[in-house]
């Protein structure tokens, strides 16, 4: 398996340059085509109903969107100028999650930005990243909104719990894992919980990766009821100086609102390193 096409989501946020930097690196490393997709939300229908002249609100939004589009395209062209990769620019008129999900099906890997509540120019839908992970059918790499990440995929930490999502994640990350300098699989075990009969032990992941040319260390750690697995993962990633965390994303739909599993949601809120997730 190789990455033939990488898609990077671009909006009006200040984080898009970091996203572009990593996307260009990955596309170059894998001789992949890089698609820059501009999608920056849509006017809030509730806001339109709440003002006397909704047309002015829509016109103001359209002017902002046009400015953001031009800025994102200049950034895309600047990041890829002189880089030996194929590129493609795409944009959607209505930057809804569903419209972006449709576009992700053209790519082997989608690169997104972590939601930043302090940045009003980020993608406006509060569940945008959640929807991309759970509905696209493609792996997504989420880049934190804070911090600088000069490289990605040299030192990789894999979070393993033996489930289908974990197996999917290491499969989807295989092109990156093959070129990594170091890979560690971390498996957390709670002795007070019953063993899931459907879960595969970490050594199975280690053997599968070895068969694909990836030498990975296996680390097993015990956790208590009060431990927060997400926090432990981020702390261990810092100890390893990891520049990528690979894990399965867990979630389900309830009352038409996407609800993510606890560890997945915690990492999306507090991530300090890029995370590649698959569902």
C-alpha atoms as a PDB file:
ATOM      1  CA  UNK A   1       0.000   0.000   0.000  1.00  0.00           C
ATOM      2  CA  UNK A   2       1.189   3.494  -0.897  1.00  0.00           C
ATOM      3  CA  UNK A   3      -0.309   6.947  -0.616  1.00  0.00           C
ATOM      4  CA  UNK A   4      -1.050   8.124  -4.144  1.00  0.00           C
ATOM      5  CA  UNK A   5      -3.147  11.137  -3.173  1.00  0.00           C
ATOM      6  CA  UNK A   6      -3.031  13.389  -0.096  1.00  0.00           C
ATOM      7  CA  UNK A   7      -5.812  15.900   0.589  1.00  0.00           C
ATOM      8  CA  UNK A   8      -5.250  18.855   2.917  1.00  0.00           C
ATOM      9  CA  UNK A   9      -8.209  20.870   4.171  1.00  0.00           C
ATOM     10  CA  UNK A  10      -7.730  24.639   4.036  1.00  0.00           C
ATOM     11  CA  UNK A  11      -9.883  27.340   5.592  1.00  0.00           C
ATOM     12  CA  UNK A  12      -9.265  30.831   6.893  1.00  0.00           C
ATOM     13  CA  UNK A  13      -7.485  29.746  10.066  1.00  0.00           C
ATOM     14  CA  UNK A  14      -4.020  30.827  11.114  1.00  0.00           C
ATOM     15  CA  UNK A  15      -3.024  27.166  11.434  1.00  0.00           C
ATOM     16  CA  UNK A  16      -3.279  26.362   7.740  1.00  0.00           C
ATOM     17  CA  UNK A  17       0.434  27.046   7.094  1.00  0.00           C
ATOM     18  CA  UNK A  18       1.502  24.305   9.539  1.00  0.00           C
ATOM     19  CA  UNK A  19      -1.001  21.946   7.945  1.00  0.00           C
ATOM     20  CA  UNK A  20       0.339  22.753   4.480  1.00  0.00           C
ATOM     21  CA  UNK A  21       3.936  22.231   5.593  1.00  0.00           C
ATOM     22  CA  UNK A  22       3.272  18.710   6.845  1.00  0.00           C
ATOM     23  CA  UNK A  23       1.004  17.839   3.895  1.00  0.00           C
ATOM     24  CA  UNK A  24       3.696  18.883   1.422  1.00  0.00           C
ATOM     25  CA  UNK A  25       6.320  16.837   3.304  1.00  0.00           C
ATOM     26  CA  UNK A  26       4.148  13.718   3.241  1.00  0.00           C
ATOM     27  CA  UNK A  27       3.235  14.123  -0.440  1.00  0.00           C
ATOM     28  CA  UNK A  28       6.915  14.535  -1.336  1.00  0.00           C
ATOM     29  CA  UNK A  29       8.013  11.527   0.746  1.00  0.00           C
ATOM     30  CA  UNK A  30       5.442   9.284  -0.951  1.00  0.00           C
ATOM     31  CA  UNK A  31       5.512  10.797  -4.464  1.00  0.00           C
ATOM     32  CA  UNK A  32       1.827  11.534  -4.014  1.00  0.00           C
ATOM     33  CA  UNK A  33      -0.408  14.136  -5.585  1.00  0.00           C
ATOM     34  CA  UNK A  34      -1.411  16.869  -3.138  1.00  0.00           C
ATOM     35  CA  UNK A  35      -4.954  18.238  -3.289  1.00  0.00           C
ATOM     36  CA  UNK A  36      -5.602  21.549  -1.571  1.00  0.00           C
ATOM     37  CA  UNK A  37      -9.299  21.700  -0.664  1.00  0.00           C
ATOM     38  CA  UNK A  38     -10.723  25.041   0.405  1.00  0.00           C
ATOM     39  CA  UNK A  39     -13.861  24.840   2.553  1.00  0.00           C
ATOM     40  CA  UNK A  40     -14.643  27.521   5.102  1.00  0.00           C
ATOM     41  CA  UNK A  41     -18.162  26.900   6.332  1.00  0.00           C
ATOM     42  CA  UNK A  42     -21.417  28.613   5.414  1.00  0.00           C
ATOM     43  CA  UNK A  43     -23.558  31.441   6.774  1.00  0.00           C
ATOM     44  CA  UNK A  44     -25.270  30.543  10.034  1.00  0.00           C
ATOM     45  CA  UNK A  45     -29.032  30.173   9.250  1.00  0.00           C
ATOM     46  CA  UNK A  46     -29.906  31.201  12.809  1.00  0.00           C
ATOM     47  CA  UNK A  47     -27.886  34.390  12.435  1.00  0.00           C
ATOM     48  CA  UNK A  48     -29.670  35.199   9.169  1.00  0.00           C
ATOM     49  CA  UNK A  49     -33.071  34.802  10.826  1.00  0.00           C
ATOM     50  CA  UNK A  50     -31.998  36.966  13.737  1.00  0.00           C
ATOM     51  CA  UNK A  51     -31.142  40.113  11.751  1.00  0.00           C
ATOM     52  CA  UNK A  52     -33.409  42.521   9.929  1.00  0.00           C
ATOM     53  CA  UNK A  53     -31.428  42.410   6.711  1.00  0.00           C
ATOM     54  CA  UNK A  54     -30.120  38.889   6.232  1.00  0.00           C
ATOM     55  CA  UNK A  55     -28.866  39.713   2.748  1.00  0.00           C
ATOM     56  CA  UNK A  56     -26.227  42.009   4.229  1.00  0.00           C
ATOM     57  CA  UNK A  57     -25.068  39.252   6.533  1.00  0.00           C
ATOM     58  CA  UNK A  58     -24.762  36.801   3.638  1.00  0.00           C
ATOM     59  CA  UNK A  59     -22.931  39.394   1.518  1.00  0.00           C
ATOM     60  CA  UNK A  60     -20.499  40.062   4.370  1.00  0.00           C
ATOM     61  CA  UNK A  61     -19.857  36.338   4.789  1.00  0.00           C
ATOM     62  CA  UNK A  62     -19.281  35.933   1.057  1.00  0.00           C
ATOM     63  CA  UNK A  63     -16.726  38.758   1.075  1.00  0.00           C
ATOM     64  CA  UNK A  64     -14.884  37.149   3.997  1.00  0.00           C
ATOM     65  CA  UNK A  65     -15.004  33.742   2.301  1.00  0.00           C
ATOM     66  CA  UNK A  66     -13.581  35.171  -0.914  1.00  0.00           C
ATOM     67  CA  UNK A  67     -10.745  36.799   1.015  1.00  0.00           C
ATOM     68  CA  UNK A  68     -10.045  33.557   2.895  1.00  0.00           C
ATOM     69  CA  UNK A  69     -10.103  31.588  -0.367  1.00  0.00           C
ATOM     70  CA  UNK A  70      -7.558  33.872  -2.012  1.00  0.00           C
ATOM     71  CA  UNK A  71      -5.309  33.716   1.071  1.00  0.00           C
ATOM     72  CA  UNK A  72      -5.507  29.919   1.251  1.00  0.00           C
ATOM     73  CA  UNK A  73      -4.753  29.524  -2.463  1.00  0.00           C
ATOM     74  CA  UNK A  74      -1.711  31.805  -2.205  1.00  0.00           C
ATOM     75  CA  UNK A  75      -0.505  29.788   0.795  1.00  0.00           C
ATOM     76  CA  UNK A  76      -1.020  26.514  -1.117  1.00  0.00           C
ATOM     77  CA  UNK A  77       0.860  27.774  -4.152  1.00  0.00           C
ATOM     78  CA  UNK A  78       3.659  29.157  -1.981  1.00  0.00           C
ATOM     79  CA  UNK A  79       4.076  25.938   0.010  1.00  0.00           C
ATOM     80  CA  UNK A  80       4.274  23.760  -3.094  1.00  0.00           C
ATOM     81  CA  UNK A  81       6.320  26.058  -5.368  1.00  0.00           C
ATOM     82  CA  UNK A  82       9.557  24.365  -6.369  1.00  0.00           C
ATOM     83  CA  UNK A  83       8.505  21.066  -4.756  1.00  0.00           C
ATOM     84  CA  UNK A  84       8.567  18.049  -7.054  1.00  0.00           C
ATOM     85  CA  UNK A  85       4.971  16.938  -6.525  1.00  0.00           C
ATOM     86  CA  UNK A  86       1.768  17.082  -8.519  1.00  0.00           C
ATOM     87  CA  UNK A  87      -0.838  19.438  -7.109  1.00  0.00           C
ATOM     88  CA  UNK A  88      -4.522  20.142  -7.562  1.00  0.00           C
ATOM     89  CA  UNK A  89      -6.673  22.971  -6.202  1.00  0.00           C
ATOM     90  CA  UNK A  90     -10.310  22.304  -5.327  1.00  0.00           C
ATOM     91  CA  UNK A  91     -12.972  24.272  -3.500  1.00  0.00           C
ATOM     92  CA  UNK A  92     -16.577  23.749  -2.479  1.00  0.00           C
ATOM     93  CA  UNK A  93     -19.217  26.463  -2.511  1.00  0.00           C
ATOM     94  CA  UNK A  94     -20.747  25.388   0.795  1.00  0.00           C
ATOM     95  CA  UNK A  95     -18.120  24.247   3.271  1.00  0.00           C
ATOM     96  CA  UNK A  96     -20.349  21.823   5.123  1.00  0.00           C
ATOM     97  CA  UNK A  97     -18.949  18.636   6.652  1.00  0.00           C
ATOM     98  CA  UNK A  98     -20.914  16.531   4.161  1.00  0.00           C
ATOM     99  CA  UNK A  99     -19.442  18.432   1.199  1.00  0.00           C
ATOM    100  CA  UNK A 100     -15.905  17.922   2.499  1.00  0.00           C
ATOM    101  CA  UNK A 101     -16.512  14.227   3.269  1.00  0.00           C
ATOM    102  CA  UNK A 102     -17.471  13.711  -0.376  1.00  0.00           C
ATOM    103  CA  UNK A 103     -14.138  15.219  -1.438  1.00  0.00           C
ATOM    104  CA  UNK A 104     -12.078  13.088   0.969  1.00  0.00           C
ATOM    105  CA  UNK A 105     -13.069   9.973  -0.958  1.00  0.00           C
ATOM    106  CA  UNK A 106     -10.624  11.099  -3.671  1.00  0.00           C
ATOM    107  CA  UNK A 107      -7.666  10.755  -1.306  1.00  0.00           C
ATOM    108  CA  UNK A 108      -5.728   8.057   0.534  1.00  0.00           C
ATOM    109  CA  UNK A 109      -5.054  10.348   3.490  1.00  0.00           C
ATOM    110  CA  UNK A 110      -6.770  13.552   4.637  1.00  0.00           C
ATOM    111  CA  UNK A 111      -4.963  16.175   6.701  1.00  0.00           C
ATOM    112  CA  UNK A 112      -7.110  18.318   8.984  1.00  0.00           C
ATOM    113  CA  UNK A 113      -6.594  20.924  11.670  1.00  0.00           C
ATOM    114  CA  UNK A 114      -7.673  20.536  15.284  1.00  0.00           C
ATOM    115  CA  UNK A 115     -10.633  22.720  16.131  1.00  0.00           C
ATOM    116  CA  UNK A 116      -9.461  25.992  17.685  1.00  0.00           C
ATOM    117  CA  UNK A 117     -12.195  27.760  19.668  1.00  0.00           C
ATOM    118  CA  UNK A 118      -9.952  30.827  19.965  1.00  0.00           C
ATOM    119  CA  UNK A 119      -9.704  31.263  16.185  1.00  0.00           C
ATOM    120  CA  UNK A 120     -12.903  32.657  14.628  1.00  0.00           C
ATOM    121  CA  UNK A 121     -11.610  31.931  11.115  1.00  0.00           C
ATOM    122  CA  UNK A 122     -11.392  28.182  11.549  1.00  0.00           C
ATOM    123  CA  UNK A 123     -13.977  25.808  10.056  1.00  0.00           C
ATOM    124  CA  UNK A 124     -17.234  26.908  11.626  1.00  0.00           C
ATOM    125  CA  UNK A 125     -18.973  23.585  12.282  1.00  0.00           C
ATOM    126  CA  UNK A 126     -18.189  22.441  15.828  1.00  0.00           C
ATOM    127  CA  UNK A 127     -18.177  18.752  14.898  1.00  0.00           C
ATOM    128  CA  UNK A 128     -16.271  19.115  11.638  1.00  0.00           C
ATOM    129  CA  UNK A 129     -13.223  16.990  12.543  1.00  0.00           C
ATOM    130  CA  UNK A 130     -15.426  14.385  14.238  1.00  0.00           C
ATOM    131  CA  UNK A 131     -17.504  14.012  11.088  1.00  0.00           C
ATOM    132  CA  UNK A 132     -14.452  13.682   8.865  1.00  0.00           C
ATOM    133  CA  UNK A 133     -13.029  10.870  10.996  1.00  0.00           C
ATOM    134  CA  UNK A 134     -16.249   8.934  11.407  1.00  0.00           C
ATOM    135  CA  UNK A 135     -17.859   9.366   7.979  1.00  0.00           C
ATOM    136  CA  UNK A 136     -15.159   9.690   5.336  1.00  0.00           C
ATOM    137  CA  UNK A 137     -13.955   6.084   5.258  1.00  0.00           C
ATOM    138  CA  UNK A 138     -10.418   7.428   4.957  1.00  0.00           C
ATOM    139  CA  UNK A 139      -7.673   7.870   7.558  1.00  0.00           C
ATOM    140  CA  UNK A 140      -7.256  11.417   8.814  1.00  0.00           C
ATOM    141  CA  UNK A 141      -4.200  13.119  10.254  1.00  0.00           C
ATOM    142  CA  UNK A 142      -5.174  15.904  12.647  1.00  0.00           C
ATOM    143  CA  UNK A 143      -2.627  18.653  13.277  1.00  0.00           C
ATOM    144  CA  UNK A 144      -2.782  20.471  16.657  1.00  0.00           C
ATOM    145  CA  UNK A 145      -3.723  24.147  16.546  1.00  0.00           C
ATOM    146  CA  UNK A 146      -0.844  24.995  18.893  1.00  0.00           C
ATOM    147  CA  UNK A 147       2.814  24.169  18.420  1.00  0.00           C
ATOM    148  CA  UNK A 148       5.333  23.816  15.610  1.00  0.00           C
ATOM    149  CA  UNK A 149       5.882  20.468  13.907  1.00  0.00           C
ATOM    150  CA  UNK A 150       8.879  20.483  11.568  1.00  0.00           C
ATOM    151  CA  UNK A 151       8.463  16.781  10.725  1.00  0.00           C
ATOM    152  CA  UNK A 152       5.950  13.988  11.065  1.00  0.00           C
ATOM    153  CA  UNK A 153       6.297  10.216  11.090  1.00  0.00           C
ATOM    154  CA  UNK A 154       9.929   9.828  12.137  1.00  0.00           C
ATOM    155  CA  UNK A 155       9.172   8.686  15.697  1.00  0.00           C
ATOM    156  CA  UNK A 156       5.751   7.025  15.885  1.00  0.00           C
ATOM    157  CA  UNK A 157       3.713   5.898  18.868  1.00  0.00           C
ATOM    158  CA  UNK A 158       0.880   3.442  18.182  1.00  0.00           C
ATOM    159  CA  UNK A 159      -1.977   3.231  20.696  1.00  0.00           C
ATOM    160  CA  UNK A 160      -3.236  -0.366  20.595  1.00  0.00           C
ATOM    161  CA  UNK A 161      -6.333  -1.812  22.251  1.00  0.00           C
ATOM    162  CA  UNK A 162      -6.796  -4.857  20.031  1.00  0.00           C
ATOM    163  CA  UNK A 163      -9.987  -3.675  18.346  1.00  0.00           C
ATOM    164  CA  UNK A 164     -10.947  -3.384  14.687  1.00  0.00           C
ATOM    165  CA  UNK A 165     -10.229   0.341  14.672  1.00  0.00           C
ATOM    166  CA  UNK A 166      -6.688  -0.232  15.942  1.00  0.00           C
ATOM    167  CA  UNK A 167      -6.083  -2.804  13.212  1.00  0.00           C
ATOM    168  CA  UNK A 168      -7.460  -0.401  10.617  1.00  0.00           C
ATOM    169  CA  UNK A 169      -5.240   2.408  11.885  1.00  0.00           C
ATOM    170  CA  UNK A 170      -1.939   0.536  11.604  1.00  0.00           C
ATOM    171  CA  UNK A 171      -2.921  -0.660   8.140  1.00  0.00           C
ATOM    172  CA  UNK A 172      -3.747   2.886   7.030  1.00  0.00           C
ATOM    173  CA  UNK A 173      -0.532   4.242   8.553  1.00  0.00           C
ATOM    174  CA  UNK A 174       1.690   1.562   7.002  1.00  0.00           C
ATOM    175  CA  UNK A 175       3.292   3.818   4.341  1.00  0.00           C
ATOM    176  CA  UNK A 176       4.465   6.163   7.109  1.00  0.00           C
ATOM    177  CA  UNK A 177       5.455   3.362   9.488  1.00  0.00           C
ATOM    178  CA  UNK A 178       7.694   1.758   6.855  1.00  0.00           C
ATOM    179  CA  UNK A 179       9.871   4.850   6.669  1.00  0.00           C
ATOM    180  CA  UNK A 180       9.849   5.721  10.389  1.00  0.00           C
ATOM    181  CA  UNK A 181      13.093   5.704  12.361  1.00  0.00           C
ATOM    182  CA  UNK A 182      11.350   4.266  15.441  1.00  0.00           C
ATOM    183  CA  UNK A 183       7.942   2.744  16.147  1.00  0.00           C
ATOM    184  CA  UNK A 184       6.505   1.776  19.511  1.00  0.00           C
ATOM    185  CA  UNK A 185       3.231  -0.017  20.207  1.00  0.00           C
ATOM    186  CA  UNK A 186       1.745   0.837  23.592  1.00  0.00           C
ATOM    187  CA  UNK A 187      -0.997  -1.351  25.033  1.00  0.00           C
ATOM    188  CA  UNK A 188      -2.742  -0.335  28.247  1.00  0.00           C
ATOM    189  CA  UNK A 189      -4.234  -3.120  30.361  1.00  0.00           C
ATOM    190  CA  UNK A 190      -6.702  -2.695  33.212  1.00  0.00           C
ATOM    191  CA  UNK A 191      -6.542  -5.800  35.452  1.00  0.00           C
ATOM    192  CA  UNK A 192      -9.918  -4.943  36.980  1.00  0.00           C
ATOM    193  CA  UNK A 193     -11.729  -5.180  33.655  1.00  0.00           C
ATOM    194  CA  UNK A 194     -12.750  -8.346  31.831  1.00  0.00           C
ATOM    195  CA  UNK A 195     -10.691  -9.107  28.740  1.00  0.00           C
ATOM    196  CA  UNK A 196     -12.527  -8.364  25.511  1.00  0.00           C
ATOM    197  CA  UNK A 197     -12.818 -11.733  23.699  1.00  0.00           C
ATOM    198  CA  UNK A 198     -12.704  -9.893  20.344  1.00  0.00           C
ATOM    199  CA  UNK A 199      -9.478  -8.012  21.116  1.00  0.00           C
ATOM    200  CA  UNK A 200      -6.119  -9.064  19.692  1.00  0.00           C
ATOM    201  CA  UNK A 201      -3.022  -8.709  21.895  1.00  0.00           C
ATOM    202  CA  UNK A 202      -0.356  -6.170  21.073  1.00  0.00           C
ATOM    203  CA  UNK A 203       2.097  -8.858  20.013  1.00  0.00           C
ATOM    204  CA  UNK A 204      -0.183  -9.618  17.058  1.00  0.00           C
ATOM    205  CA  UNK A 205       0.198  -6.042  15.848  1.00  0.00           C
ATOM    206  CA  UNK A 206       3.945  -6.298  16.383  1.00  0.00           C
ATOM    207  CA  UNK A 207       4.130  -9.496  14.312  1.00  0.00           C
ATOM    208  CA  UNK A 208       1.929  -8.072  11.541  1.00  0.00           C
ATOM    209  CA  UNK A 209       4.116  -4.992  11.273  1.00  0.00           C
ATOM    210  CA  UNK A 210       7.263  -7.124  11.240  1.00  0.00           C
ATOM    211  CA  UNK A 211       5.848  -9.107   8.314  1.00  0.00           C
ATOM    212  CA  UNK A 212       5.506  -5.768   6.509  1.00  0.00           C
ATOM    213  CA  UNK A 213       9.064  -4.721   7.208  1.00  0.00           C
ATOM    214  CA  UNK A 214       8.400  -2.555  10.279  1.00  0.00           C
ATOM    215  CA  UNK A 215      10.361  -3.289  13.451  1.00  0.00           C
ATOM    216  CA  UNK A 216       8.255  -2.056  16.375  1.00  0.00           C
ATOM    217  CA  UNK A 217       8.848  -2.230  20.126  1.00  0.00           C
ATOM    218  CA  UNK A 218       5.951  -3.427  22.260  1.00  0.00           C
ATOM    219  CA  UNK A 219       5.217  -1.753  25.593  1.00  0.00           C
ATOM    220  CA  UNK A 220       2.509  -3.028  27.923  1.00  0.00           C
ATOM    221  CA  UNK A 221       1.369  -0.790  30.768  1.00  0.00           C
ATOM    222  CA  UNK A 222      -1.146  -1.268  33.553  1.00  0.00           C
ATOM    223  CA  UNK A 223      -3.784   1.375  34.231  1.00  0.00           C
ATOM    224  CA  UNK A 224      -6.182   1.891  37.125  1.00  0.00           C
ATOM    225  CA  UNK A 225      -9.808   2.957  37.038  1.00  0.00           C
ATOM    226  CA  UNK A 226      -8.886   6.580  37.649  1.00  0.00           C
ATOM    227  CA  UNK A 227      -6.270   6.816  34.928  1.00  0.00           C
ATOM    228  CA  UNK A 228      -7.028   8.844  31.846  1.00  0.00           C
ATOM    229  CA  UNK A 229      -5.743   6.878  28.889  1.00  0.00           C
ATOM    230  CA  UNK A 230      -5.686   9.936  26.635  1.00  0.00           C
ATOM    231  CA  UNK A 231      -3.509  11.879  29.053  1.00  0.00           C
ATOM    232  CA  UNK A 232      -1.210   8.893  29.534  1.00  0.00           C
ATOM    233  CA  UNK A 233      -0.770   8.555  25.779  1.00  0.00           C
ATOM    234  CA  UNK A 234       0.106  12.225  25.326  1.00  0.00           C
ATOM    235  CA  UNK A 235       2.512  12.118  28.263  1.00  0.00           C
ATOM    236  CA  UNK A 236       4.223   9.023  26.882  1.00  0.00           C
ATOM    237  CA  UNK A 237       4.380  10.579  23.407  1.00  0.00           C
ATOM    238  CA  UNK A 238       6.229  13.523  24.962  1.00  0.00           C
ATOM    239  CA  UNK A 239       8.640  11.155  26.745  1.00  0.00           C
ATOM    240  CA  UNK A 240       9.421   9.473  23.420  1.00  0.00           C
ATOM    241  CA  UNK A 241       9.632  12.792  21.585  1.00  0.00           C
ATOM    242  CA  UNK A 242       7.151  11.218  19.174  1.00  0.00           C
ATOM    243  CA  UNK A 243       6.087  13.291  16.194  1.00  0.00           C
ATOM    244  CA  UNK A 244       3.042  11.137  15.342  1.00  0.00           C
ATOM    245  CA  UNK A 245       0.455   9.174  17.306  1.00  0.00           C
ATOM    246  CA  UNK A 246      -1.471   6.439  15.455  1.00  0.00           C
ATOM    247  CA  UNK A 247      -4.734   5.117  16.874  1.00  0.00           C
ATOM    248  CA  UNK A 248      -8.205   3.904  16.056  1.00  0.00           C
ATOM    249  CA  UNK A 249     -11.127   6.299  16.474  1.00  0.00           C
ATOM    250  CA  UNK A 250     -14.123   5.053  18.375  1.00  0.00           C
ATOM    251  CA  UNK A 251     -17.616   6.436  18.343  1.00  0.00           C
ATOM    252  CA  UNK A 252     -21.279   5.996  17.509  1.00  0.00           C
ATOM    253  CA  UNK A 253     -24.277   8.092  16.564  1.00  0.00           C
ATOM    254  CA  UNK A 254     -26.858   9.011  19.176  1.00  0.00           C
ATOM    255  CA  UNK A 255     -29.909  11.213  18.583  1.00  0.00           C
ATOM    256  CA  UNK A 256     -28.382  12.309  15.249  1.00  0.00           C
ATOM    257  CA  UNK A 257     -25.364  13.850  16.975  1.00  0.00           C
ATOM    258  CA  UNK A 258     -21.963  12.295  16.569  1.00  0.00           C
ATOM    259  CA  UNK A 259     -20.562  11.097  19.879  1.00  0.00           C
ATOM    260  CA  UNK A 260     -16.939   9.990  20.098  1.00  0.00           C
ATOM    261  CA  UNK A 261     -15.454   7.552  22.551  1.00  0.00           C
ATOM    262  CA  UNK A 262     -13.770   9.021  25.621  1.00  0.00           C
ATOM    263  CA  UNK A 263     -10.130   8.532  24.610  1.00  0.00           C
ATOM    264  CA  UNK A 264     -10.748   9.776  21.052  1.00  0.00           C
ATOM    265  CA  UNK A 265     -12.614  12.869  22.222  1.00  0.00           C
ATOM    266  CA  UNK A 266      -9.993  13.640  24.878  1.00  0.00           C
ATOM    267  CA  UNK A 267      -7.167  13.488  22.341  1.00  0.00           C
ATOM    268  CA  UNK A 268      -9.010  15.705  19.873  1.00  0.00           C
ATOM    269  CA  UNK A 269      -9.405  18.291  22.640  1.00  0.00           C
ATOM    270  CA  UNK A 270      -5.922  18.135  24.129  1.00  0.00           C
ATOM    271  CA  UNK A 271      -3.576  16.852  21.423  1.00  0.00           C
ATOM    272  CA  UNK A 272       0.016  18.042  21.524  1.00  0.00           C
ATOM    273  CA  UNK A 273       1.293  16.014  18.558  1.00  0.00           C
ATOM    274  CA  UNK A 274      -0.234  15.140  15.148  1.00  0.00           C
ATOM    275  CA  UNK A 275      -2.565  12.151  15.379  1.00  0.00           C
ATOM    276  CA  UNK A 276      -3.465   9.740  12.577  1.00  0.00           C
ATOM    277  CA  UNK A 277      -6.885   8.225  13.221  1.00  0.00           C
ATOM    278  CA  UNK A 278      -8.907   5.603  11.389  1.00  0.00           C
ATOM    279  CA  UNK A 279     -12.427   4.367  11.903  1.00  0.00           C
END
